[in-house]
Amino acid sequence: MFQCHICGGTEARETLVKEIFQIGDKWVLVENIPAKVCSRCGEPVFSRQVTEDIRQMVHGETSPVRSVTVDVFAFA
């Protein structure tokens, strides 16, 4: 049974999401991640296997499919 760790919601839909991770001083985008997304608050939840697959991916065990340039702004 699904229960969101953010809002406590119990309904979710399975979909593919994108997430940005910071690895040291480097930012990486991972696309097409299978996740359960809370129907109430939108928080994505990944399975243990997906989490491990992402960890291996972003720590250099695979090559990125492409690179992008990102503009950075300082709010203060």
N, C-alpha and C. Protein backbone atom coordinates (compact mmCIF):
# COMPACT_ATOMS: atom_id res chain seq x y z
N MET A 1 0.83 -1.18 0.00
CA MET A 1 0.00 0.00 0.00
C MET A 1 0.89 1.25 0.00
N PHE A 2 0.52 2.21 -0.80
CA PHE A 2 1.26 3.47 -0.89
C PHE A 2 0.85 4.41 0.24
N GLN A 3 1.85 5.05 0.85
CA GLN A 3 1.59 6.16 1.76
C GLN A 3 2.69 7.19 1.57
N CYS A 4 2.31 8.40 1.20
CA CYS A 4 3.26 9.47 0.95
C CYS A 4 3.95 9.88 2.25
N HIS A 5 5.27 9.98 2.21
CA HIS A 5 6.02 10.38 3.40
C HIS A 5 5.97 11.89 3.63
N ILE A 6 5.43 12.66 2.69
CA ILE A 6 5.31 14.11 2.84
C ILE A 6 3.95 14.49 3.43
N CYS A 7 2.86 14.06 2.77
CA CYS A 7 1.52 14.50 3.19
C CYS A 7 0.66 13.40 3.78
N GLY A 8 1.10 12.15 3.68
CA GLY A 8 0.31 11.05 4.21
C GLY A 8 -0.73 10.51 3.24
N GLY A 9 -0.80 11.08 2.03
CA GLY A 9 -1.76 10.60 1.04
C GLY A 9 -1.57 9.13 0.75
N THR A 10 -2.66 8.48 0.33
CA THR A 10 -2.61 7.03 0.10
C THR A 10 -2.88 6.66 -1.36
N GLU A 11 -3.05 7.64 -2.23
CA GLU A 11 -3.28 7.35 -3.64
C GLU A 11 -2.12 7.90 -4.46
N ALA A 12 -1.69 7.12 -5.46
CA ALA A 12 -0.58 7.54 -6.31
C ALA A 12 -0.82 7.01 -7.71
N ARG A 13 -0.15 7.66 -8.67
CA ARG A 13 -0.19 7.18 -10.04
C ARG A 13 1.24 6.86 -10.45
N GLU A 14 1.40 5.83 -11.27
CA GLU A 14 2.73 5.48 -11.76
C GLU A 14 2.99 6.25 -13.04
N THR A 15 4.15 6.90 -13.09
CA THR A 15 4.51 7.72 -14.25
C THR A 15 6.02 7.84 -14.34
N LEU A 16 6.51 8.50 -15.37
CA LEU A 16 7.93 8.77 -15.52
C LEU A 16 8.18 10.23 -15.14
N VAL A 17 9.23 10.48 -14.36
CA VAL A 17 9.54 11.83 -13.90
C VAL A 17 10.99 12.18 -14.22
N LYS A 18 11.32 13.46 -14.04
CA LYS A 18 12.69 13.97 -14.14
C LYS A 18 13.09 14.47 -12.77
N GLU A 19 14.35 14.30 -12.41
CA GLU A 19 14.86 14.83 -11.15
C GLU A 19 16.26 15.36 -11.38
N ILE A 20 16.61 16.43 -10.66
CA ILE A 20 17.95 16.99 -10.69
C ILE A 20 18.62 16.63 -9.37
N PHE A 21 19.83 16.11 -9.45
CA PHE A 21 20.59 15.70 -8.27
C PHE A 21 21.89 16.49 -8.22
N GLN A 22 22.35 16.84 -7.02
CA GLN A 22 23.65 17.48 -6.85
C GLN A 22 24.62 16.44 -6.34
N ILE A 23 25.68 16.22 -7.11
CA ILE A 23 26.72 15.27 -6.75
C ILE A 23 27.99 16.09 -6.55
N GLY A 24 28.35 16.35 -5.31
CA GLY A 24 29.46 17.26 -5.02
C GLY A 24 29.10 18.64 -5.50
N ASP A 25 29.90 19.21 -6.39
CA ASP A 25 29.59 20.53 -6.94
C ASP A 25 29.00 20.44 -8.34
N LYS A 26 28.60 19.24 -8.75
CA LYS A 26 28.05 19.01 -10.08
C LYS A 26 26.56 18.68 -10.00
N TRP A 27 25.80 19.25 -10.93
CA TRP A 27 24.37 18.97 -11.02
C TRP A 27 24.13 18.02 -12.18
N VAL A 28 23.26 17.03 -11.97
CA VAL A 28 22.91 16.10 -13.04
C VAL A 28 21.39 15.94 -13.12
N LEU A 29 20.90 15.82 -14.33
CA LEU A 29 19.48 15.61 -14.59
C LEU A 29 19.28 14.17 -15.02
N VAL A 30 18.36 13.49 -14.38
CA VAL A 30 18.01 12.12 -14.78
C VAL A 30 16.56 12.17 -15.26
N GLU A 31 16.35 11.70 -16.48
CA GLU A 31 15.02 11.71 -17.08
C GLU A 31 14.42 10.31 -17.12
N ASN A 32 13.12 10.26 -17.29
CA ASN A 32 12.38 9.00 -17.48
C ASN A 32 12.54 8.03 -16.31
N ILE A 33 12.47 8.57 -15.10
CA ILE A 33 12.58 7.74 -13.90
C ILE A 33 11.19 7.20 -13.56
N PRO A 34 11.03 5.87 -13.46
CA PRO A 34 9.73 5.34 -13.04
C PRO A 34 9.50 5.67 -11.57
N ALA A 35 8.32 6.23 -11.29
CA ALA A 35 8.01 6.64 -9.92
C ALA A 35 6.52 6.51 -9.66
N LYS A 36 6.20 6.40 -8.39
CA LYS A 36 4.82 6.57 -7.95
C LYS A 36 4.73 8.02 -7.49
N VAL A 37 3.75 8.76 -8.01
CA VAL A 37 3.61 10.17 -7.68
C VAL A 37 2.33 10.35 -6.88
N CYS A 38 2.47 10.94 -5.70
CA CYS A 38 1.33 11.14 -4.80
C CYS A 38 0.26 11.97 -5.49
N SER A 39 -0.97 11.49 -5.46
CA SER A 39 -2.09 12.19 -6.08
C SER A 39 -2.46 13.46 -5.33
N ARG A 40 -2.10 13.54 -4.06
CA ARG A 40 -2.46 14.71 -3.27
C ARG A 40 -1.43 15.84 -3.41
N CYS A 41 -0.13 15.53 -3.20
CA CYS A 41 0.88 16.61 -3.17
C CYS A 41 1.87 16.57 -4.34
N GLY A 42 1.87 15.49 -5.12
CA GLY A 42 2.76 15.42 -6.27
C GLY A 42 4.17 14.93 -5.98
N GLU A 43 4.45 14.51 -4.77
CA GLU A 43 5.78 14.01 -4.40
C GLU A 43 6.06 12.68 -5.11
N PRO A 44 7.19 12.58 -5.84
CA PRO A 44 7.54 11.30 -6.46
C PRO A 44 8.22 10.38 -5.44
N VAL A 45 7.93 9.10 -5.54
CA VAL A 45 8.53 8.09 -4.67
C VAL A 45 9.13 7.02 -5.56
N PHE A 46 10.42 6.70 -5.31
CA PHE A 46 11.13 5.72 -6.13
C PHE A 46 11.29 4.42 -5.35
N SER A 47 11.26 3.31 -6.09
CA SER A 47 11.52 2.02 -5.45
C SER A 47 12.99 1.95 -5.05
N ARG A 48 13.32 0.99 -4.21
CA ARG A 48 14.72 0.81 -3.81
C ARG A 48 15.60 0.50 -5.01
N GLN A 49 15.11 -0.34 -5.92
CA GLN A 49 15.90 -0.70 -7.09
C GLN A 49 16.14 0.50 -7.98
N VAL A 50 15.12 1.31 -8.20
CA VAL A 50 15.28 2.52 -9.03
C VAL A 50 16.28 3.47 -8.36
N THR A 51 16.18 3.62 -7.05
CA THR A 51 17.12 4.48 -6.32
C THR A 51 18.55 4.00 -6.49
N GLU A 52 18.77 2.71 -6.40
CA GLU A 52 20.11 2.14 -6.59
C GLU A 52 20.59 2.34 -8.03
N ASP A 53 19.70 2.14 -8.99
CA ASP A 53 20.05 2.35 -10.39
C ASP A 53 20.47 3.80 -10.64
N ILE A 54 19.76 4.75 -10.05
CA ILE A 54 20.10 6.17 -10.18
C ILE A 54 21.47 6.43 -9.54
N ARG A 55 21.69 5.88 -8.36
CA ARG A 55 22.97 6.08 -7.67
C ARG A 55 24.13 5.62 -8.55
N GLN A 56 24.01 4.45 -9.12
CA GLN A 56 25.06 3.92 -9.98
C GLN A 56 25.26 4.80 -11.21
N MET A 57 24.15 5.26 -11.78
CA MET A 57 24.20 6.08 -12.98
C MET A 57 24.93 7.40 -12.73
N VAL A 58 24.56 8.11 -11.68
CA VAL A 58 25.11 9.45 -11.46
C VAL A 58 26.53 9.42 -10.88
N HIS A 59 26.96 8.28 -10.40
CA HIS A 59 28.32 8.17 -9.88
C HIS A 59 29.27 7.59 -10.92
N GLY A 60 28.91 7.75 -12.20
CA GLY A 60 29.84 7.46 -13.27
C GLY A 60 29.87 6.06 -13.82
N GLU A 61 28.91 5.23 -13.47
CA GLU A 61 28.93 3.87 -13.99
C GLU A 61 28.32 3.77 -15.39
N THR A 62 27.70 4.84 -15.86
CA THR A 62 27.22 4.93 -17.23
C THR A 62 27.55 6.32 -17.76
N SER A 63 27.47 6.49 -19.05
CA SER A 63 27.74 7.78 -19.67
C SER A 63 26.43 8.53 -19.89
N PRO A 64 26.45 9.86 -19.76
CA PRO A 64 25.22 10.62 -20.01
C PRO A 64 24.83 10.53 -21.49
N VAL A 65 23.53 10.66 -21.76
CA VAL A 65 23.05 10.60 -23.14
C VAL A 65 23.24 11.94 -23.84
N ARG A 66 23.35 13.02 -23.08
CA ARG A 66 23.62 14.35 -23.63
C ARG A 66 23.99 15.28 -22.49
N SER A 67 24.51 16.46 -22.83
CA SER A 67 24.83 17.49 -21.84
C SER A 67 24.08 18.76 -22.23
N VAL A 68 23.71 19.55 -21.22
CA VAL A 68 23.02 20.82 -21.45
C VAL A 68 23.70 21.91 -20.64
N THR A 69 23.54 23.15 -21.08
CA THR A 69 24.06 24.30 -20.36
C THR A 69 22.92 24.89 -19.53
N VAL A 70 23.21 25.28 -18.30
CA VAL A 70 22.19 25.83 -17.41
C VAL A 70 22.62 27.22 -16.94
N ASP A 71 21.71 28.19 -17.03
CA ASP A 71 21.96 29.52 -16.48
C ASP A 71 21.79 29.48 -14.97
N VAL A 72 22.65 30.19 -14.25
CA VAL A 72 22.59 30.22 -12.79
C VAL A 72 22.38 31.65 -12.33
N PHE A 73 21.41 31.87 -11.46
CA PHE A 73 21.12 33.18 -10.89
C PHE A 73 21.26 33.12 -9.38
N ALA A 74 21.73 34.19 -8.77
CA ALA A 74 21.78 34.29 -7.31
C ALA A 74 20.64 35.18 -6.86
N PHE A 75 19.78 34.69 -6.00
CA PHE A 75 18.62 35.45 -5.53
C PHE A 75 19.03 36.63 -4.65
N ALA A 76 20.00 36.39 -3.80
CA ALA A 76 20.43 37.47 -2.89
C ALA A 76 21.85 37.88 -3.17
